Amino acid sequence: MPQKIVVGYKQLMADAEAKVKQVSAGEAIAMQSGQDVVIVDIRDPREIQREGRIPGSFHAPRGMLEFWVDPESPYHKPIFSEDKTFIIHCASGWRSLLATELLQRMGMAPVLNLKGGFGGWKEAGGPVEIVEHK
């Protein structure tokens, strides 16, 4: 018997949009230089190698995000315990919207979604750093 999806991605995103504060690419570009801001890239490493990244951003793969954020996890990354504003992004803003909602649910604050993701960042003229393939 096939799976019956009762809540699709569109509904999940609409629910998250009602709860999550988002910033435009222009706002994020202006905030980027602040000492109290961490831009978190949750894209797959192949996406970063192919497209580049926001200079100074911190890469946290989407699949590990909850584990890296939680201080009780053996995989915790101390950057997530800092008193900073976190801007989460992916390629288009969809994955990061859902991830931002989850981080808020976990208690992170302030945490913002980059509306339009990395694509929006590039369109707005944000700086991009090319990552050398290893």
N, C-alpha and C. Protein backbone atom coordinates (compact mmCIF):
# COMPACT_ATOMS: atom_id res chain seq x y z
N MET A 1 0.85 -1.18 0.00
CA MET A 1 0.00 0.00 0.00
C MET A 1 0.89 1.24 0.00
N PRO A 2 0.67 2.20 -0.90
CA PRO A 2 1.51 3.39 -0.96
C PRO A 2 1.33 4.28 0.27
N GLN A 3 2.36 5.07 0.54
CA GLN A 3 2.30 6.01 1.65
C GLN A 3 1.25 7.08 1.37
N LYS A 4 0.58 7.52 2.41
CA LYS A 4 -0.38 8.61 2.28
C LYS A 4 0.16 9.81 3.05
N ILE A 5 0.69 10.76 2.32
CA ILE A 5 1.23 11.97 2.94
C ILE A 5 0.06 12.88 3.30
N VAL A 6 -0.05 13.23 4.57
CA VAL A 6 -1.17 14.06 5.01
C VAL A 6 -0.78 15.53 5.16
N VAL A 7 0.51 15.80 5.30
CA VAL A 7 1.01 17.18 5.34
C VAL A 7 2.18 17.24 4.37
N GLY A 8 2.00 17.97 3.29
CA GLY A 8 3.04 18.09 2.28
C GLY A 8 4.02 19.20 2.58
N TYR A 9 5.03 19.30 1.73
CA TYR A 9 6.08 20.30 1.96
C TYR A 9 5.53 21.72 1.90
N LYS A 10 4.54 21.97 1.05
CA LYS A 10 3.97 23.33 0.96
C LYS A 10 3.34 23.74 2.28
N GLN A 11 2.62 22.82 2.91
CA GLN A 11 2.00 23.13 4.20
C GLN A 11 3.07 23.30 5.28
N LEU A 12 4.08 22.44 5.26
CA LEU A 12 5.17 22.58 6.23
C LEU A 12 5.84 23.94 6.10
N MET A 13 6.07 24.36 4.87
CA MET A 13 6.71 25.66 4.66
C MET A 13 5.79 26.81 5.06
N ALA A 14 4.50 26.72 4.77
CA ALA A 14 3.56 27.77 5.17
C ALA A 14 3.51 27.87 6.69
N ASP A 15 3.48 26.74 7.37
CA ASP A 15 3.47 26.75 8.84
C ASP A 15 4.75 27.39 9.38
N ALA A 16 5.89 27.03 8.78
CA ALA A 16 7.17 27.59 9.24
C ALA A 16 7.24 29.09 8.96
N GLU A 17 6.74 29.51 7.80
CA GLU A 17 6.79 30.93 7.45
C GLU A 17 6.03 31.78 8.45
N ALA A 18 4.97 31.22 9.03
CA ALA A 18 4.18 31.95 10.02
C ALA A 18 4.91 32.10 11.35
N LYS A 19 5.93 31.28 11.58
CA LYS A 19 6.63 31.27 12.87
C LYS A 19 8.03 31.86 12.82
N VAL A 20 8.64 31.85 11.65
CA VAL A 20 10.06 32.17 11.51
C VAL A 20 10.26 33.60 11.03
N LYS A 21 11.20 34.29 11.64
CA LYS A 21 11.57 35.61 11.14
C LYS A 21 12.57 35.40 10.01
N GLN A 22 12.34 36.11 8.92
CA GLN A 22 13.22 35.99 7.76
C GLN A 22 13.90 37.33 7.50
N VAL A 23 15.08 37.25 6.90
CA VAL A 23 15.78 38.46 6.48
C VAL A 23 16.00 38.37 4.98
N SER A 24 15.94 39.50 4.32
CA SER A 24 16.23 39.54 2.90
C SER A 24 17.73 39.43 2.69
N ALA A 25 18.11 39.16 1.47
CA ALA A 25 19.55 39.09 1.16
C ALA A 25 20.21 40.43 1.46
N GLY A 26 19.55 41.52 1.10
CA GLY A 26 20.12 42.85 1.37
C GLY A 26 20.34 43.08 2.85
N GLU A 27 19.38 42.67 3.68
CA GLU A 27 19.53 42.81 5.13
C GLU A 27 20.68 41.94 5.63
N ALA A 28 20.76 40.72 5.13
CA ALA A 28 21.83 39.80 5.56
C ALA A 28 23.20 40.33 5.14
N ILE A 29 23.29 40.90 3.94
CA ILE A 29 24.56 41.46 3.48
C ILE A 29 24.98 42.59 4.43
N ALA A 30 24.04 43.41 4.83
CA ALA A 30 24.35 44.51 5.76
C ALA A 30 24.75 44.00 7.14
N MET A 31 24.15 42.90 7.56
CA MET A 31 24.43 42.33 8.88
C MET A 31 25.72 41.52 8.91
N GLN A 32 26.17 41.05 7.76
CA GLN A 32 27.27 40.09 7.67
C GLN A 32 28.54 40.54 8.38
N SER A 33 28.84 41.80 8.32
CA SER A 33 30.10 42.27 8.90
C SER A 33 30.05 42.41 10.42
N GLY A 34 28.88 42.25 11.00
CA GLY A 34 28.76 42.39 12.45
C GLY A 34 29.43 41.26 13.19
N GLN A 35 30.05 41.59 14.31
CA GLN A 35 30.73 40.58 15.13
C GLN A 35 29.74 39.64 15.81
N ASP A 36 28.48 40.06 15.88
CA ASP A 36 27.49 39.26 16.59
C ASP A 36 26.61 38.42 15.66
N VAL A 37 27.04 38.22 14.41
CA VAL A 37 26.27 37.47 13.43
C VAL A 37 27.07 36.29 12.91
N VAL A 38 26.41 35.13 12.85
CA VAL A 38 27.00 33.94 12.26
C VAL A 38 26.06 33.48 11.14
N ILE A 39 26.58 33.40 9.94
CA ILE A 39 25.81 32.88 8.82
C ILE A 39 26.12 31.39 8.72
N VAL A 40 25.07 30.58 8.76
CA VAL A 40 25.21 29.13 8.77
C VAL A 40 24.68 28.56 7.45
N ASP A 41 25.56 27.89 6.75
CA ASP A 41 25.26 27.29 5.45
C ASP A 41 24.93 25.82 5.68
N ILE A 42 23.68 25.42 5.39
CA ILE A 42 23.29 24.03 5.64
C ILE A 42 23.27 23.19 4.36
N ARG A 43 23.81 23.74 3.28
CA ARG A 43 23.81 23.00 2.01
C ARG A 43 24.75 21.80 2.06
N ASP A 44 24.53 20.92 1.11
CA ASP A 44 25.39 19.76 0.91
C ASP A 44 26.78 20.24 0.48
N PRO A 45 27.84 19.58 0.91
CA PRO A 45 29.19 20.01 0.52
C PRO A 45 29.38 20.12 -1.00
N ARG A 46 28.71 19.27 -1.77
CA ARG A 46 28.83 19.35 -3.24
C ARG A 46 28.26 20.66 -3.77
N GLU A 47 27.20 21.15 -3.15
CA GLU A 47 26.62 22.43 -3.56
C GLU A 47 27.60 23.56 -3.32
N ILE A 48 28.28 23.50 -2.19
CA ILE A 48 29.25 24.54 -1.83
C ILE A 48 30.42 24.50 -2.81
N GLN A 49 30.91 23.33 -3.13
CA GLN A 49 32.01 23.21 -4.09
C GLN A 49 31.61 23.70 -5.47
N ARG A 50 30.38 23.45 -5.85
CA ARG A 50 29.91 23.83 -7.18
C ARG A 50 29.60 25.33 -7.28
N GLU A 51 28.97 25.90 -6.24
CA GLU A 51 28.46 27.28 -6.30
C GLU A 51 29.28 28.30 -5.53
N GLY A 52 30.12 27.84 -4.59
CA GLY A 52 30.82 28.76 -3.71
C GLY A 52 30.04 28.94 -2.42
N ARG A 53 30.51 29.86 -1.60
CA ARG A 53 29.85 30.09 -0.31
C ARG A 53 29.96 31.54 0.10
N ILE A 54 29.22 31.90 1.11
CA ILE A 54 29.30 33.24 1.68
C ILE A 54 30.58 33.30 2.51
N PRO A 55 31.46 34.26 2.22
CA PRO A 55 32.72 34.35 2.99
C PRO A 55 32.45 34.44 4.49
N GLY A 56 33.19 33.64 5.23
CA GLY A 56 33.07 33.64 6.69
C GLY A 56 31.91 32.83 7.23
N SER A 57 31.12 32.22 6.35
CA SER A 57 29.99 31.43 6.82
C SER A 57 30.49 30.13 7.47
N PHE A 58 29.64 29.58 8.31
CA PHE A 58 29.95 28.32 8.99
C PHE A 58 29.12 27.23 8.34
N HIS A 59 29.77 26.15 7.92
CA HIS A 59 29.05 25.06 7.28
C HIS A 59 28.60 24.05 8.32
N ALA A 60 27.29 23.80 8.34
CA ALA A 60 26.69 22.79 9.21
C ALA A 60 25.73 21.98 8.35
N PRO A 61 26.12 20.80 7.92
CA PRO A 61 25.25 20.02 7.06
C PRO A 61 23.86 19.83 7.68
N ARG A 62 22.84 19.96 6.88
CA ARG A 62 21.47 19.88 7.37
C ARG A 62 21.24 18.61 8.19
N GLY A 63 21.81 17.52 7.78
CA GLY A 63 21.61 16.25 8.49
C GLY A 63 22.21 16.20 9.88
N MET A 64 23.13 17.11 10.19
CA MET A 64 23.78 17.11 11.51
C MET A 64 23.38 18.31 12.37
N LEU A 65 22.58 19.20 11.83
CA LEU A 65 22.31 20.48 12.49
C LEU A 65 21.82 20.34 13.93
N GLU A 66 20.80 19.55 14.15
CA GLU A 66 20.26 19.41 15.51
C GLU A 66 21.31 18.89 16.48
N PHE A 67 22.14 17.97 16.00
CA PHE A 67 23.16 17.37 16.85
C PHE A 67 24.29 18.35 17.15
N TRP A 68 24.61 19.20 16.19
CA TRP A 68 25.67 20.19 16.40
C TRP A 68 25.20 21.33 17.30
N VAL A 69 23.90 21.62 17.30
CA VAL A 69 23.35 22.72 18.09
C VAL A 69 23.18 22.34 19.56
N ASP A 70 22.74 21.13 19.82
CA ASP A 70 22.41 20.71 21.19
C ASP A 70 23.68 20.49 22.01
N PRO A 71 23.86 21.27 23.10
CA PRO A 71 25.07 21.11 23.92
C PRO A 71 25.17 19.75 24.61
N GLU A 72 24.08 19.02 24.69
CA GLU A 72 24.12 17.70 25.31
C GLU A 72 24.50 16.60 24.32
N SER A 73 24.59 16.96 23.05
CA SER A 73 24.96 15.98 22.03
C SER A 73 26.47 15.76 22.00
N PRO A 74 26.91 14.55 21.76
CA PRO A 74 28.35 14.32 21.63
C PRO A 74 28.94 15.00 20.39
N TYR A 75 28.09 15.47 19.49
CA TYR A 75 28.54 16.12 18.26
C TYR A 75 28.46 17.65 18.33
N HIS A 76 28.12 18.18 19.50
CA HIS A 76 27.93 19.63 19.68
C HIS A 76 29.13 20.44 19.19
N LYS A 77 28.82 21.54 18.49
CA LYS A 77 29.84 22.49 18.04
C LYS A 77 29.69 23.76 18.88
N PRO A 78 30.74 24.18 19.58
CA PRO A 78 30.65 25.32 20.49
C PRO A 78 30.16 26.62 19.85
N ILE A 79 30.35 26.80 18.55
CA ILE A 79 29.89 28.03 17.91
C ILE A 79 28.40 28.25 18.16
N PHE A 80 27.63 27.16 18.27
CA PHE A 80 26.19 27.30 18.45
C PHE A 80 25.80 27.67 19.89
N SER A 81 26.75 27.70 20.80
CA SER A 81 26.48 28.14 22.17
C SER A 81 26.82 29.61 22.37
N GLU A 82 27.36 30.24 21.34
CA GLU A 82 27.74 31.66 21.45
C GLU A 82 26.51 32.56 21.42
N ASP A 83 26.64 33.70 22.07
CA ASP A 83 25.56 34.69 22.11
C ASP A 83 25.62 35.50 20.82
N LYS A 84 25.06 34.95 19.76
CA LYS A 84 25.11 35.55 18.43
C LYS A 84 23.72 35.48 17.80
N THR A 85 23.57 36.21 16.71
CA THR A 85 22.42 36.07 15.84
C THR A 85 22.83 35.11 14.73
N PHE A 86 22.04 34.08 14.52
CA PHE A 86 22.35 33.08 13.51
C PHE A 86 21.42 33.26 12.31
N ILE A 87 22.01 33.37 11.13
CA ILE A 87 21.26 33.44 9.89
C ILE A 87 21.49 32.12 9.17
N ILE A 88 20.42 31.37 8.95
CA ILE A 88 20.50 30.05 8.35
C ILE A 88 20.17 30.16 6.86
N HIS A 89 20.96 29.49 6.03
CA HIS A 89 20.63 29.50 4.60
C HIS A 89 20.95 28.19 3.93
N CYS A 90 20.22 27.96 2.83
CA CYS A 90 20.47 26.84 1.93
C CYS A 90 20.55 27.44 0.53
N ALA A 91 20.20 26.70 -0.49
CA ALA A 91 20.30 27.22 -1.85
C ALA A 91 19.18 28.21 -2.17
N SER A 92 17.94 27.86 -1.81
CA SER A 92 16.81 28.70 -2.19
C SER A 92 15.99 29.21 -1.01
N GLY A 93 16.29 28.76 0.19
CA GLY A 93 15.56 29.20 1.37
C GLY A 93 14.51 28.23 1.87
N TRP A 94 14.30 27.13 1.17
CA TRP A 94 13.29 26.17 1.60
C TRP A 94 13.78 25.30 2.76
N ARG A 95 14.91 24.64 2.57
CA ARG A 95 15.45 23.79 3.64
C ARG A 95 15.77 24.61 4.87
N SER A 96 16.32 25.80 4.64
CA SER A 96 16.70 26.64 5.77
C SER A 96 15.48 27.17 6.51
N LEU A 97 14.37 27.38 5.81
CA LEU A 97 13.14 27.81 6.48
C LEU A 97 12.70 26.74 7.48
N LEU A 98 12.66 25.50 7.04
CA LEU A 98 12.27 24.41 7.93
C LEU A 98 13.29 24.20 9.04
N ALA A 99 14.58 24.34 8.71
CA ALA A 99 15.63 24.18 9.73
C ALA A 99 15.56 25.30 10.76
N THR A 100 15.28 26.52 10.32
CA THR A 100 15.18 27.65 11.24
C THR A 100 14.02 27.45 12.21
N GLU A 101 12.90 26.97 11.69
CA GLU A 101 11.76 26.69 12.57
C GLU A 101 12.15 25.66 13.63
N LEU A 102 12.85 24.63 13.21
CA LEU A 102 13.27 23.59 14.15
C LEU A 102 14.23 24.16 15.21
N LEU A 103 15.17 24.99 14.78
CA LEU A 103 16.12 25.59 15.73
C LEU A 103 15.39 26.48 16.73
N GLN A 104 14.40 27.22 16.28
CA GLN A 104 13.60 28.02 17.21
C GLN A 104 12.91 27.12 18.21
N ARG A 105 12.37 26.01 17.72
CA ARG A 105 11.69 25.05 18.60
C ARG A 105 12.66 24.49 19.64
N MET A 106 13.92 24.33 19.24
CA MET A 106 14.93 23.83 20.17
C MET A 106 15.32 24.88 21.21
N GLY A 107 15.00 26.15 20.95
CA GLY A 107 15.30 27.22 21.89
C GLY A 107 16.34 28.22 21.43
N MET A 108 16.86 28.05 20.23
CA MET A 108 17.84 29.02 19.72
C MET A 108 17.17 30.35 19.46
N ALA A 109 17.85 31.41 19.84
CA ALA A 109 17.35 32.76 19.57
C ALA A 109 18.51 33.73 19.72
N PRO A 110 18.61 34.71 18.88
CA PRO A 110 17.81 34.86 17.67
C PRO A 110 18.38 34.02 16.52
N VAL A 111 17.46 33.46 15.76
CA VAL A 111 17.82 32.67 14.58
C VAL A 111 16.88 33.09 13.45
N LEU A 112 17.46 33.39 12.30
CA LEU A 112 16.72 33.94 11.17
C LEU A 112 16.96 33.10 9.93
N ASN A 113 15.97 33.10 9.04
CA ASN A 113 16.13 32.43 7.75
C ASN A 113 16.49 33.45 6.69
N LEU A 114 17.46 33.11 5.85
CA LEU A 114 17.81 33.97 4.72
C LEU A 114 16.82 33.68 3.59
N LYS A 115 15.87 34.58 3.40
CA LYS A 115 14.85 34.41 2.37
C LYS A 115 15.52 34.42 0.99
N GLY A 116 15.22 33.42 0.21
CA GLY A 116 15.84 33.30 -1.12
C GLY A 116 17.15 32.55 -1.11
N GLY A 117 17.66 32.25 0.08
CA GLY A 117 18.87 31.44 0.20
C GLY A 117 20.09 32.02 -0.50
N PHE A 118 21.01 31.13 -0.84
CA PHE A 118 22.26 31.52 -1.47
C PHE A 118 22.00 32.16 -2.84
N GLY A 119 20.98 31.67 -3.55
CA GLY A 119 20.63 32.26 -4.83
C GLY A 119 20.23 33.71 -4.69
N GLY A 120 19.43 34.02 -3.68
CA GLY A 120 19.03 35.40 -3.41
C GLY A 120 20.22 36.26 -3.02
N TRP A 121 21.13 35.68 -2.24
CA TRP A 121 22.35 36.37 -1.82
C TRP A 121 23.14 36.80 -3.05
N LYS A 122 23.35 35.86 -3.98
CA LYS A 122 24.12 36.17 -5.20
C LYS A 122 23.40 37.22 -6.04
N GLU A 123 22.09 37.09 -6.20
CA GLU A 123 21.32 38.06 -6.98
C GLU A 123 21.41 39.46 -6.39
N ALA A 124 21.51 39.56 -5.07
CA ALA A 124 21.60 40.86 -4.40
C ALA A 124 23.02 41.42 -4.42
N GLY A 125 23.95 40.69 -5.02
CA GLY A 125 25.33 41.18 -5.10
C GLY A 125 26.19 40.86 -3.90
N GLY A 126 25.74 39.91 -3.08
CA GLY A 126 26.54 39.52 -1.92
C GLY A 126 27.83 38.84 -2.36
N PRO A 127 28.89 39.01 -1.58
CA PRO A 127 30.17 38.39 -1.94
C PRO A 127 30.09 36.86 -1.90
N VAL A 128 30.82 36.24 -2.80
CA VAL A 128 30.86 34.78 -2.90
C VAL A 128 32.32 34.35 -2.92
N GLU A 129 32.60 33.34 -2.14
CA GLU A 129 33.95 32.78 -2.07
C GLU A 129 33.93 31.42 -2.75
N ILE A 130 34.86 31.21 -3.66
CA ILE A 130 34.98 29.92 -4.34
C ILE A 130 35.75 28.97 -3.44
N VAL A 131 35.25 27.76 -3.32
CA VAL A 131 35.86 26.74 -2.47
C VAL A 131 36.64 25.79 -3.36
N GLU A 132 37.90 25.62 -3.06
CA GLU A 132 38.74 24.71 -3.81
C GLU A 132 38.33 23.28 -3.55
N HIS A 133 38.24 22.50 -4.61
CA HIS A 133 37.89 21.09 -4.48
C HIS A 133 39.09 20.34 -3.89
N LYS A 134 38.83 19.53 -2.87
CA LYS A 134 39.91 18.79 -2.21
C LYS A 134 39.89 17.37 -2.63
